[in-house]
Every structure is written in structure tokens, then in C-alpha cells.
Amino acid sequence: MSDPDRLTVVLRYADVGIVTYGSLRIVGQPPRTVNWVVEDPILLAALQELTDALPEPHGSESRRDAIERALSRGPFATPDTELTAAYILGVLLIGTPGWQLLTECMASPRAVLFVSPSARLARVPWGLLAVPKSGPSKEELVRARQDAITRSGRVAAQIPWQLDDISARTDGHRLMELVDVLIAVPPNIVHSPRAPAGWDARRDGPPVLVLDPRVPGQRPDSALGSVLGRPSPQTQLAQHFGELTRRRPVLPDVGDAVELFRRQDADRTWLAKLLAQAPSRLMYVGHASSGRGDPHGADQADRAALHLACAAGIPGDADTIGDHRPLTASDLMSLQLPMPPRVALLACGSGGDYQFDEATGLVAAMILGGAQLVTATLWSLPTTAAYRQFAAAAVPGAGEPADPMAEVVIAVDRAHEAADAGCAVNQWQRVQMRRWRDGDVTANPLYWGALVTFAVDGAR
């Protein structure tokens, strides 16, 4: 599968007190390792840039307000403002020696970069980071950092950016153009007892498709309502999965692709029966929730959950939400459901394991169950309806309404049938990024930029 001539590069961060240490090394070439330090005010400035861009509520915002901000006026709303944000993140998070080494790794075949972020950098879309040509001077950064240290604590540094002509600061090339970007699986999960399911042995098996399951007691337009909209044979997704069902068997076995969507029987018992049939991969599109703000106390990664069609009467670790009980990462681990070698979790912030001291979230649960490669999202993807409400008006004269959510699902589904699925996801992201860079505003990075792939056991 993977080309043995590919360089493997590791980018690692560690939060230690009031600083974050970064290091970059080439596997097998220890003398070329480089290191740098990100001071707390600088890190806070980077995180503020990201907070302003993402469709997650902050301050007094409602969920709707956050999505509207992100799609219509946030840093990721237009190509120019997104490039500026990507440049700022690139300057603040990767030191000059790091960028120099990454540039030296440019080769054919493309090197593979595994990122191991710290908890505070867990939601950074690393592939988007723009390669800087120049930035603030050391003196300016030192002054900004010192000014950000106040009696009440450290705040985000106010850096004197020179952004009138962004093309003078970066040529627009991104980290994902230098290397394929994957996320390293946390060591505590890699070294736990696992029974990996190999892709070569399973690739001809049917995929399990869990597409927008109907959460009990939730209206289609509610917080846990439909992600993909009303099922119809005319939609992009129905046509894509219809072609897939004609080409190969899938689970569940259906007579029409529309029957794959909004199922009321897609609970954990139903899922367990399908996973027991040795499928090739699992595709989940729906809702997820993080383990943050747990009502029982501290944030816990294993409280992260998928929202299947599980009724409240089904036993589990999560508190019920009306007529529904979420399926938590701890449930998945205790049930020991056998996972296929490849898993896609296209759900709100499903790839957030690194946000916790103990990275035992949804991705970890999949890998402990046997998965070797998991594609997940760093933040919530706006639904098709939300995109059309807040962003479609920016496309004058558009014919068929754009549906970037459907494009994400189709792209990941296709990538997960490729030899190196994680690199195939990267390839699609590069295509989207170039569309966006060329002015196609329907290729919005709030969708393709959210995708990350965790890989272990030599998977790429």
C-alpha cells in the first residue's frame, strides 16, 4: 500500500506551563530535528484567530449566530480573509526552522506528516496553514508578548501585522501542498490491547452506511434533527450511494438508496449486528457531541457520543435527551464492537480526542475496536440547509444550489476505497483548496478544512 520511499515526518506539540514546545523530525534522520517555543500570548493570539473563524458559539452567541458569522463574515468566509488567517496561523504556530525543514521535505512521492497536537491546538486545521515568506520581526513579537503579560494574567498578543498586501507575506502555498497531513494516534491508544482489522483482508467486504439516522423525539429542524435534509432520489447523495449499491453489496441491504437515510432502526443493537458481518469500512454521517461541559463534573473524552436512533430505554453511560440515549465512546469501548479497518465519522467535532488529557474519545474507541484509519471532523459542519441560508446568496447566477456537505460525504466515501485512504482525503482537500484559491466560493474551507485522518499500524 504505502510507498517505502516516502519520507515520514512528525510534528509534535506539548503544553508545558506557560509555553508550548514544538518539534519537527524526520523519521530515521534524528540530526535534522528542529525545535521552537510558542509563548502563551502568541498561542492565545493564534487560538483567537481560529475561534473567530469556526462555526462554534462563543461569548453570547447562539448556535445559529455562530454558523451565520462563520459562513457570512468570519475569516473563513472569503478566500482573501481565509488566506490571511492561514498565514497568521502559519507564522504563529510553526517556527522558521520548522518551515525550512518542511520545505526541504518536498519530494516525489509526497512526504507524510503526522501531527501530534497539544490539547490547546487540537482543533487547528494544520493542512490549511500558509507558508510565510515574511512576518513580524523578533523585536515586534517580543514587544507584543511582553505587552500581553498583565497583572491579571496573560492575554492574546496584539501583533502589528502588515496585511495590506497579503501576497507580499505569502505566495498562498499551504502545508497540505508540501506534505500529506495525517494525525498521529495518541500513544496511550496505540499501545493498548487491540485486534486491528487489516484492509487487505477486508477490502472486498460491504461497507456499513449509517446516514443521518433519525434521533428519537427530535424534529427534522431541531438541534439533533436532519443533517442532510429530506431524502430524495434526486439528491447528489442518493445518486452517489445508489451507484455504490449497484456496484457492490452494502450494509444495511436495501432495495433503494433512499432507504439508507433517516432510518429509525439504526440504533446500537442494529449497528452491532452489521459490524459483526466483517464489513470493509464504516461511514457515519450524523450528529456527535463532545465530552465537554459534562453535567457530572470535569470534561471527559469518553463522554463524547454519537447520536444514533437509540431510544432512552437502551442502557448506556449517557444521560437521556428526551426519548433518546446517546452512544458514548465509553459505551463503544465497553461493548467491544468490532470495527472495520476504516471508519469515517462525519459528525460535529468527532475528531476532538486531543482536546483532553486522556485522549479516549470517539476516534480512540474506533481504533481500540480494530480500526486502523479514522477520518473525522475538527468542528461542526454547517448543514446543507444552513449553508444555503447563509452562504448561497453569495453565488450570483448559481443554477443548482451548492451542497458542500454532500461533497464532503461523497469525497470521503470515495477516498476510503482508495489504497491509501488518508492521502486520498488529502488529495481531495488540495483540489478543493485550489478551487477556493481560484475564487470558487462554493468550495468553502469550513467543510473540507475540517477533515482530519488519524492513522496507525502503517496506514496512510
Protein backbone atom coordinates (compact mmCIF):
# COMPACT_ATOMS: atom_id res chain seq x y z
CA MET A 1 0.00 0.00 0.00
CA SER A 2 2.31 2.78 1.22
CA ASP A 3 5.38 3.73 -0.82
CA PRO A 4 8.51 2.79 1.17
CA ASP A 5 10.40 5.72 -0.39
CA ARG A 6 8.09 8.26 1.23
CA LEU A 7 9.59 10.35 3.99
CA THR A 8 7.69 10.25 7.29
CA VAL A 9 7.79 13.48 9.26
CA VAL A 10 6.44 14.05 12.79
CA LEU A 11 5.23 17.43 14.11
CA ARG A 12 4.65 17.34 17.85
CA TYR A 13 3.48 19.93 20.38
CA ALA A 14 3.47 19.86 24.16
CA ASP A 15 1.91 22.38 26.56
CA VAL A 16 4.30 22.86 29.46
CA GLY A 17 3.29 25.55 31.93
CA ILE A 18 3.06 28.91 30.19
CA VAL A 19 4.71 27.82 26.94
CA THR A 20 4.07 25.29 24.20
CA TYR A 21 7.01 23.44 22.71
CA GLY A 22 7.02 22.45 19.05
CA SER A 23 9.32 19.95 17.38
CA LEU A 24 9.66 18.57 13.88
CA ARG A 25 11.65 15.48 12.98
CA ILE A 26 12.17 13.21 10.02
CA VAL A 27 11.82 9.55 10.99
CA GLY A 28 15.21 7.88 10.64
CA GLN A 29 17.11 11.19 10.45
CA PRO A 30 17.42 12.39 14.08
CA PRO A 31 20.17 15.00 13.41
CA ARG A 32 17.70 17.06 11.35
CA THR A 33 15.24 17.55 14.23
CA VAL A 34 14.30 21.19 14.90
CA ASN A 35 12.54 22.76 17.89
CA TRP A 36 10.85 26.04 18.77
CA VAL A 37 8.78 27.61 21.54
CA VAL A 38 5.35 29.23 21.26
CA GLU A 39 4.90 31.65 24.16
CA ASP A 40 1.47 31.73 25.78
CA PRO A 41 0.37 35.18 24.45
CA ILE A 42 1.38 34.11 20.93
CA LEU A 43 -0.56 30.86 21.28
CA LEU A 44 -3.60 32.76 22.56
CA ALA A 45 -3.42 35.06 19.53
CA ALA A 46 -3.49 32.02 17.23
CA LEU A 47 -6.40 30.48 19.11
CA GLN A 48 -8.35 33.75 18.88
CA GLU A 49 -7.88 33.73 15.11
CA LEU A 50 -9.30 30.21 14.98
CA THR A 51 -12.18 30.98 17.37
CA ASP A 52 -13.30 33.83 15.14
CA ALA A 53 -13.32 31.52 12.11
CA LEU A 54 -15.14 28.41 13.33
CA PRO A 55 -18.92 27.85 13.40
CA GLU A 56 -18.90 27.19 17.14
CA PRO A 57 -20.69 29.54 19.58
CA HIS A 58 -18.55 31.75 21.77
CA GLY A 59 -19.49 34.53 24.13
CA SER A 60 -23.24 35.13 23.99
CA GLU A 61 -23.67 33.62 20.52
CA SER A 62 -26.36 31.10 19.76
CA ARG A 63 -25.61 28.12 17.56
CA ARG A 64 -27.40 29.86 14.68
CA ASP A 65 -25.44 33.09 15.24
CA ALA A 66 -22.14 31.19 15.15
CA ILE A 67 -22.96 29.48 11.85
CA GLU A 68 -24.10 32.76 10.28
CA ARG A 69 -20.90 34.51 11.42
CA ALA A 70 -18.65 31.74 10.12
CA LEU A 71 -20.34 31.48 6.73
CA SER A 72 -21.03 35.13 6.03
CA ARG A 73 -18.38 37.31 7.69
CA GLY A 74 -15.81 35.21 9.59
CA PRO A 75 -12.18 34.69 8.48
CA PHE A 76 -13.16 31.57 6.51
CA ALA A 77 -15.99 33.33 4.64
CA THR A 78 -13.91 34.59 1.69
CA PRO A 79 -10.65 33.45 0.03
CA ASP A 80 -8.78 36.64 0.95
CA THR A 81 -9.70 36.63 4.64
CA GLU A 82 -9.11 32.87 4.89
CA LEU A 83 -5.62 33.21 3.40
CA THR A 84 -4.87 35.95 5.90
CA ALA A 85 -5.97 33.71 8.79
CA ALA A 86 -3.98 30.77 7.37
CA TYR A 87 -0.89 33.00 7.10
CA ILE A 88 -1.24 34.23 10.68
CA LEU A 89 -1.60 30.67 11.99
CA GLY A 90 1.39 29.59 9.93
CA VAL A 91 3.59 32.35 11.38
CA LEU A 92 2.50 31.85 14.98
CA LEU A 93 2.45 28.05 15.25
CA ILE A 94 5.37 26.79 13.16
CA GLY A 95 8.78 28.31 13.75
CA THR A 96 11.04 29.38 10.89
CA PRO A 97 13.28 26.29 11.30
CA GLY A 98 10.15 24.14 11.03
CA TRP A 99 9.03 25.71 7.76
CA GLN A 100 12.56 25.41 6.38
CA LEU A 101 12.69 21.68 7.16
CA LEU A 102 9.20 21.12 5.75
CA THR A 103 10.24 22.84 2.52
CA GLU A 104 13.30 20.58 2.35
CA CYS A 105 10.95 17.56 2.62
CA MET A 106 9.18 18.43 -0.62
CA ALA A 107 9.75 15.45 -2.90
CA SER A 108 8.06 12.90 -5.09
CA PRO A 109 6.47 10.80 -3.71
CA ARG A 110 4.97 13.33 -1.31
CA ALA A 111 6.17 13.02 2.30
CA VAL A 112 3.64 12.14 5.01
CA LEU A 113 3.43 14.42 8.05
CA PHE A 114 1.95 13.04 11.27
CA VAL A 115 0.80 15.78 13.64
CA SER A 116 0.56 15.21 17.38
CA PRO A 117 -1.03 18.42 18.72
CA SER A 118 -1.24 19.59 22.30
CA ALA A 119 -4.65 19.90 23.95
CA ARG A 120 -4.94 23.60 23.16
CA LEU A 121 -4.04 23.05 19.50
CA ALA A 122 -6.36 20.10 19.00
CA ARG A 123 -8.68 21.90 16.55
CA VAL A 124 -6.09 23.56 14.32
CA PRO A 125 -6.62 22.66 10.63
CA TRP A 126 -2.92 22.04 10.01
CA GLY A 127 -3.19 21.43 6.28
CA LEU A 128 -4.57 24.95 5.71
CA LEU A 129 -1.57 26.74 7.24
CA ALA A 130 0.02 29.05 4.67
CA VAL A 131 3.78 29.03 4.12
CA PRO A 132 5.01 32.50 5.17
CA LYS A 133 7.58 34.46 3.17
CA SER A 134 7.99 37.06 5.90
CA GLY A 135 6.42 38.10 9.16
CA PRO A 136 6.77 40.41 12.17
CA SER A 137 10.31 40.91 13.40
CA LYS A 138 11.57 39.20 16.53
CA GLU A 139 11.57 42.56 18.27
CA GLU A 140 7.92 43.16 17.38
CA LEU A 141 6.91 39.71 18.63
CA VAL A 142 8.84 40.16 21.88
CA ARG A 143 7.22 43.55 22.46
CA ALA A 144 3.73 42.18 21.70
CA ARG A 145 4.32 39.26 24.04
CA GLN A 146 5.52 41.48 26.87
CA ASP A 147 2.56 43.83 26.47
CA ALA A 148 0.22 40.83 26.75
CA ILE A 149 1.50 39.89 30.21
CA THR A 150 -0.77 41.83 32.58
CA ARG A 151 -1.37 41.84 36.31
CA SER A 152 -4.49 39.73 35.80
CA GLY A 153 -2.68 37.18 33.65
CA ARG A 154 -1.71 36.57 30.05
CA VAL A 155 -3.90 37.68 27.16
CA ALA A 156 -3.64 37.28 23.40
CA ALA A 157 -0.74 39.27 21.97
CA GLN A 158 -1.66 42.23 19.77
CA ILE A 159 0.77 41.70 16.92
CA PRO A 160 1.49 44.51 14.40
CA TRP A 161 0.67 42.56 11.24
CA GLN A 162 1.39 44.16 7.87
CA LEU A 163 -1.51 42.71 5.87
CA ASP A 164 -2.35 45.37 3.30
CA ASP A 165 -0.78 43.19 0.62
CA ILE A 166 -1.05 39.56 1.74
CA SER A 167 0.76 38.41 -1.44
CA ALA A 168 3.89 40.11 -0.11
CA ARG A 169 3.71 37.93 3.01
CA THR A 170 2.84 34.55 1.48
CA ASP A 171 2.52 33.13 -2.01
CA GLY A 172 -0.53 31.17 -0.83
CA HIS A 173 1.02 27.70 -0.75
CA ARG A 174 -0.28 25.56 2.10
CA LEU A 175 1.18 22.89 4.33
CA MET A 176 -1.01 20.30 2.57
CA GLU A 177 0.79 21.14 -0.67
CA LEU A 178 4.18 20.36 0.84
CA VAL A 179 3.16 17.08 2.53
CA ASP A 180 0.19 14.81 3.13
CA VAL A 181 -1.11 15.70 6.59
CA LEU A 182 -2.36 12.98 8.95
CA ILE A 183 -2.94 12.96 12.71
CA ALA A 184 -0.91 10.63 14.89
CA VAL A 185 -2.95 8.36 17.14
CA PRO A 186 -2.18 9.10 20.83
CA PRO A 187 0.42 6.70 22.27
CA ASN A 188 -1.89 5.51 25.06
CA ILE A 189 -4.27 4.19 22.40
CA VAL A 190 -1.59 2.77 20.09
CA HIS A 191 -0.10 0.73 22.92
CA SER A 192 -3.41 -0.53 24.32
CA PRO A 193 -4.55 -4.10 23.55
CA ARG A 194 -6.15 -4.05 20.11
CA ALA A 195 -7.14 -6.51 17.41
CA PRO A 196 -6.67 -4.50 14.19
CA ALA A 197 -8.72 -5.44 11.16
CA GLY A 198 -6.49 -5.32 8.06
CA TRP A 199 -7.68 -3.51 4.94
CA ASP A 200 -6.23 -6.08 2.53
CA ALA A 201 -8.28 -8.83 4.19
CA ARG A 202 -11.47 -6.77 4.36
CA ARG A 203 -11.43 -4.52 1.29
CA ASP A 204 -13.93 -6.65 -0.65
CA GLY A 205 -16.43 -6.70 2.20
CA PRO A 206 -19.53 -4.48 2.20
CA PRO A 207 -19.34 -1.02 3.76
CA VAL A 208 -21.66 -0.15 6.65
CA LEU A 209 -23.54 3.07 5.86
CA VAL A 210 -25.16 4.97 8.73
CA LEU A 211 -26.54 8.07 7.05
CA ASP A 212 -28.34 10.73 9.09
CA PRO A 213 -30.13 8.34 11.48
CA ARG A 214 -33.38 9.63 12.96
CA VAL A 215 -32.83 10.58 16.60
CA PRO A 216 -35.92 9.65 18.66
CA GLY A 217 -38.09 12.58 19.66
CA GLN A 218 -36.21 15.11 17.51
CA ARG A 219 -37.93 17.11 14.77
CA PRO A 220 -36.02 17.39 11.45
CA ASP A 221 -35.28 21.08 12.14
CA SER A 222 -34.26 20.63 15.80
CA ALA A 223 -30.75 20.61 17.27
CA LEU A 224 -30.48 16.84 16.71
CA GLY A 225 -32.60 16.83 13.59
CA SER A 226 -31.66 16.10 9.99
CA VAL A 227 -28.09 16.79 8.85
CA LEU A 228 -28.58 16.00 5.16
CA GLY A 229 -32.12 17.19 4.57
CA ARG A 230 -35.15 15.36 3.25
CA PRO A 231 -34.18 12.10 1.46
CA SER A 232 -34.94 12.14 -2.24
CA PRO A 233 -33.79 10.07 -5.23
CA GLN A 234 -32.75 13.34 -6.93
CA THR A 235 -30.16 14.42 -4.36
CA GLN A 236 -26.41 14.12 -5.00
CA LEU A 237 -26.06 11.75 -2.09
CA ALA A 238 -28.88 9.43 -3.10
CA GLN A 239 -27.43 9.22 -6.60
CA HIS A 240 -23.92 8.57 -5.28
CA PHE A 241 -24.96 5.83 -2.88
CA GLY A 242 -27.36 4.43 -5.47
CA GLU A 243 -24.40 3.94 -7.81
CA LEU A 244 -22.47 2.34 -4.94
CA THR A 245 -25.27 -0.14 -4.16
CA ARG A 246 -25.43 -1.15 -7.82
CA ARG A 247 -21.69 -1.74 -7.88
CA ARG A 248 -21.27 -3.74 -4.66
CA PRO A 249 -23.24 -5.02 -1.66
CA VAL A 250 -23.67 -2.60 1.25
CA LEU A 251 -24.97 -2.85 4.79
CA PRO A 252 -27.81 -2.49 5.53
CA ASP A 253 -29.12 -4.35 2.48
CA VAL A 254 -31.65 -2.02 0.82
CA GLY A 255 -33.71 -2.08 -2.35
CA ASP A 256 -33.32 1.66 -2.92
CA ALA A 257 -30.53 4.04 -1.82
CA VAL A 258 -33.09 6.41 -0.27
CA GLU A 259 -33.73 3.72 2.36
CA LEU A 260 -30.20 4.30 3.71
CA PHE A 261 -31.16 7.75 5.01
CA ARG A 262 -33.03 8.81 8.17
CA ARG A 263 -33.53 5.25 9.40
CA GLN A 264 -35.49 4.82 12.63
CA ASP A 265 -33.99 1.39 13.39
CA ALA A 266 -30.32 2.49 13.28
CA ASP A 267 -29.60 2.07 17.00
CA ARG A 268 -26.59 0.47 18.71
CA THR A 269 -28.08 -3.04 18.54
CA TRP A 270 -28.68 -2.68 14.80
CA LEU A 271 -25.14 -1.34 14.36
CA ALA A 272 -23.61 -4.22 16.34
CA LYS A 273 -25.31 -6.76 14.06
CA LEU A 274 -23.93 -5.08 10.95
CA LEU A 275 -20.41 -4.76 12.37
CA ALA A 276 -20.42 -8.48 13.18
CA GLN A 277 -20.59 -9.22 9.43
CA ALA A 278 -16.93 -8.24 8.83
CA PRO A 279 -17.54 -5.09 6.74
CA SER A 280 -14.76 -3.29 4.90
CA ARG A 281 -15.47 0.11 6.41
CA LEU A 282 -17.96 2.23 8.34
CA MET A 283 -19.39 5.55 7.13
CA TYR A 284 -21.29 7.54 9.77
CA VAL A 285 -22.90 10.88 8.90
CA GLY A 286 -24.93 12.49 11.63
CA HIS A 287 -24.66 14.19 14.98
CA ALA A 288 -21.97 13.86 17.62
CA SER A 289 -21.36 15.66 20.88
CA SER A 290 -18.11 16.30 22.71
CA GLY A 291 -17.30 15.34 26.27
CA ARG A 292 -17.03 18.99 27.26
CA GLY A 293 -19.44 20.53 29.74
CA ASP A 294 -20.29 17.15 31.21
CA PRO A 295 -23.05 17.63 33.83
CA HIS A 296 -21.35 15.16 36.16
CA GLY A 297 -18.17 17.17 36.56
CA ALA A 298 -14.92 17.58 34.63
CA ASP A 299 -14.69 17.33 30.87
CA GLN A 300 -14.19 13.73 29.83
CA ALA A 301 -13.23 12.43 26.40
CA ASP A 302 -15.08 9.17 26.89
CA ARG A 303 -18.36 11.12 27.26
CA ALA A 304 -18.15 12.15 23.60
CA ALA A 305 -21.06 10.48 21.82
CA LEU A 306 -22.72 9.58 18.56
CA HIS A 307 -26.44 10.20 18.18
CA LEU A 308 -27.95 7.10 16.61
CA ALA A 309 -31.61 6.10 16.66
CA CYS A 310 -31.17 4.83 20.23
CA ALA A 311 -34.25 5.14 22.43
CA ALA A 312 -33.98 6.28 26.03
CA GLY A 313 -34.75 2.77 27.29
CA ILE A 314 -31.50 1.33 25.90
CA PRO A 315 -28.86 1.00 28.67
CA GLY A 316 -25.77 3.21 28.38
CA ASP A 317 -23.44 5.68 30.07
CA ALA A 318 -25.03 8.85 28.72
CA ASP A 319 -27.91 10.72 30.29
CA THR A 320 -31.03 10.67 28.16
CA ILE A 321 -32.07 13.58 25.95
CA GLY A 322 -35.84 13.30 25.94
CA ASP A 323 -36.64 9.99 24.22
CA HIS A 324 -33.02 9.40 23.21
CA ARG A 325 -29.84 8.00 24.80
CA PRO A 326 -26.56 8.92 23.02
CA LEU A 327 -23.93 6.26 22.33
CA THR A 328 -20.78 7.39 24.16
CA ALA A 329 -17.17 6.50 23.48
CA SER A 330 -17.18 4.63 26.80
CA ASP A 331 -20.22 2.65 25.62
CA LEU A 332 -18.40 1.72 22.42
CA MET A 333 -15.37 0.56 24.38
CA SER A 334 -17.36 -1.45 26.91
CA LEU A 335 -19.49 -3.07 24.17
CA GLN A 336 -16.27 -4.00 22.34
CA LEU A 337 -17.91 -3.58 18.97
CA PRO A 338 -15.59 -4.96 16.24
CA MET A 339 -14.67 -2.03 14.00
CA PRO A 340 -13.64 -2.37 10.34
CA PRO A 341 -10.19 -1.14 9.25
CA ARG A 342 -11.53 2.20 8.01
CA VAL A 343 -14.05 4.46 9.70
CA ALA A 344 -15.46 7.85 8.71
CA LEU A 345 -17.17 9.92 11.40
CA LEU A 346 -18.64 12.95 9.64
CA ALA A 347 -20.21 14.49 12.69
CA CYS A 348 -19.82 17.57 14.89
CA GLY A 349 -16.27 17.72 16.24
CA SER A 350 -15.86 13.92 16.14
CA GLY A 351 -12.08 14.26 15.87
CA GLY A 352 -11.64 16.08 19.18
CA ASP A 353 -9.78 13.41 21.15
CA TYR A 354 -6.65 15.53 21.61
CA GLN A 355 -8.61 18.22 23.46
CA PHE A 356 -8.46 16.06 26.57
CA ASP A 357 -5.62 14.97 28.85
CA GLU A 358 -6.74 11.37 28.31
CA ALA A 359 -7.47 11.05 24.59
CA THR A 360 -10.14 8.37 24.90
CA GLY A 361 -12.83 9.87 22.68
CA LEU A 362 -14.68 8.62 19.63
CA VAL A 363 -11.58 8.16 17.46
CA ALA A 364 -9.88 6.19 20.23
CA ALA A 365 -12.96 3.98 20.62
CA MET A 366 -12.87 3.15 16.91
CA ILE A 367 -9.16 2.31 16.96
CA LEU A 368 -9.43 0.24 20.12
CA GLY A 369 -12.20 -1.66 18.33
CA GLY A 370 -9.89 -2.53 15.43
CA ALA A 371 -9.87 0.46 13.04
CA GLN A 372 -6.55 1.48 11.55
CA LEU A 373 -7.67 4.71 9.90
CA VAL A 374 -10.36 7.14 11.06
CA THR A 375 -11.41 10.29 9.20
CA ALA A 376 -13.25 12.71 11.47
CA THR A 377 -14.01 16.42 11.75
CA LEU A 378 -12.41 19.09 13.93
CA TRP A 379 -15.56 21.17 14.27
CA SER A 380 -19.26 21.14 13.44
CA LEU A 381 -20.06 21.16 9.74
CA PRO A 382 -22.95 23.51 8.87
CA THR A 383 -25.86 21.53 7.48
CA THR A 384 -26.92 21.81 3.86
CA ALA A 385 -29.89 23.96 4.94
CA ALA A 386 -27.65 26.31 6.95
CA TYR A 387 -25.22 26.72 4.06
CA ARG A 388 -28.00 27.59 1.65
CA GLN A 389 -29.49 30.05 4.12
CA PHE A 390 -26.32 31.97 4.95
CA ALA A 391 -23.88 31.42 2.07
CA ALA A 392 -25.74 30.54 -1.13
CA ALA A 393 -26.71 34.17 -1.74
CA ALA A 394 -23.01 34.89 -2.31
CA VAL A 395 -23.11 32.88 -5.55
CA PRO A 396 -24.83 35.17 -8.10
CA GLY A 397 -26.47 33.40 -11.01
CA ALA A 398 -25.95 29.95 -9.50
CA GLY A 399 -28.07 27.22 -11.03
CA GLU A 400 -28.31 24.09 -8.91
CA PRO A 401 -27.77 25.16 -5.27
CA ALA A 402 -24.33 24.23 -3.96
CA ASP A 403 -24.20 21.43 -1.40
CA PRO A 404 -20.70 21.31 0.16
CA MET A 405 -21.92 18.94 2.87
CA ALA A 406 -22.85 16.37 0.23
CA GLU A 407 -19.50 16.92 -1.48
CA VAL A 408 -17.66 16.12 1.75
CA VAL A 409 -19.61 12.89 2.28
CA ILE A 410 -19.08 11.71 -1.30
CA ALA A 411 -15.39 12.62 -1.28
CA VAL A 412 -14.65 10.75 1.95
CA ASP A 413 -16.71 7.75 0.84
CA ARG A 414 -14.65 7.53 -2.36
CA ALA A 415 -11.34 8.19 -0.60
CA HIS A 416 -11.95 5.37 1.85
CA GLU A 417 -11.96 2.89 -1.02
CA ALA A 418 -8.52 4.05 -2.24
CA ALA A 419 -5.26 2.26 -1.49
CA ASP A 420 -4.08 4.99 0.91
CA ALA A 421 -7.32 6.48 2.18
CA GLY A 422 -5.87 9.26 4.33
CA CYS A 423 -3.68 10.52 1.50
CA ALA A 424 -6.69 10.31 -0.82
CA VAL A 425 -8.60 12.61 1.55
CA ASN A 426 -5.62 15.00 1.40
CA GLN A 427 -5.67 14.88 -2.39
CA TRP A 428 -9.33 15.89 -2.46
CA GLN A 429 -8.66 18.67 0.02
CA ARG A 430 -5.94 20.06 -2.25
CA VAL A 431 -8.37 20.11 -5.17
CA GLN A 432 -10.91 21.98 -3.04
CA MET A 433 -8.30 24.40 -1.77
CA ARG A 434 -7.26 25.27 -5.33
CA ARG A 435 -10.90 25.83 -6.31
CA TRP A 436 -11.24 28.13 -3.32
CA ARG A 437 -7.97 29.92 -4.08
CA ASP A 438 -9.14 30.48 -7.65
CA GLY A 439 -12.29 32.22 -6.37
CA ASP A 440 -14.89 29.43 -6.23
CA VAL A 441 -16.67 30.39 -3.01
CA THR A 442 -18.73 27.17 -3.01
CA ALA A 443 -15.52 25.27 -2.10
CA ASN A 444 -15.77 26.58 1.47
CA PRO A 445 -12.93 25.54 3.86
CA LEU A 446 -15.39 25.25 6.74
CA TYR A 447 -16.18 21.88 5.15
CA TRP A 448 -13.02 20.45 3.58
CA GLY A 449 -10.73 22.11 6.12
CA ALA A 450 -12.48 20.35 8.99
CA LEU A 451 -11.44 16.87 7.84
CA VAL A 452 -8.58 15.09 9.59
CA THR A 453 -7.46 11.49 9.34
CA PHE A 454 -5.97 9.55 12.25
CA ALA A 455 -3.80 6.63 11.15
CA VAL A 456 -2.00 3.79 12.92
CA ASP A 457 -0.35 0.44 12.09
CA GLY A 458 1.28 1.79 8.92
CA ALA A 459 -1.98 3.01 7.41
CA ARG A 460 -1.74 6.08 5.24
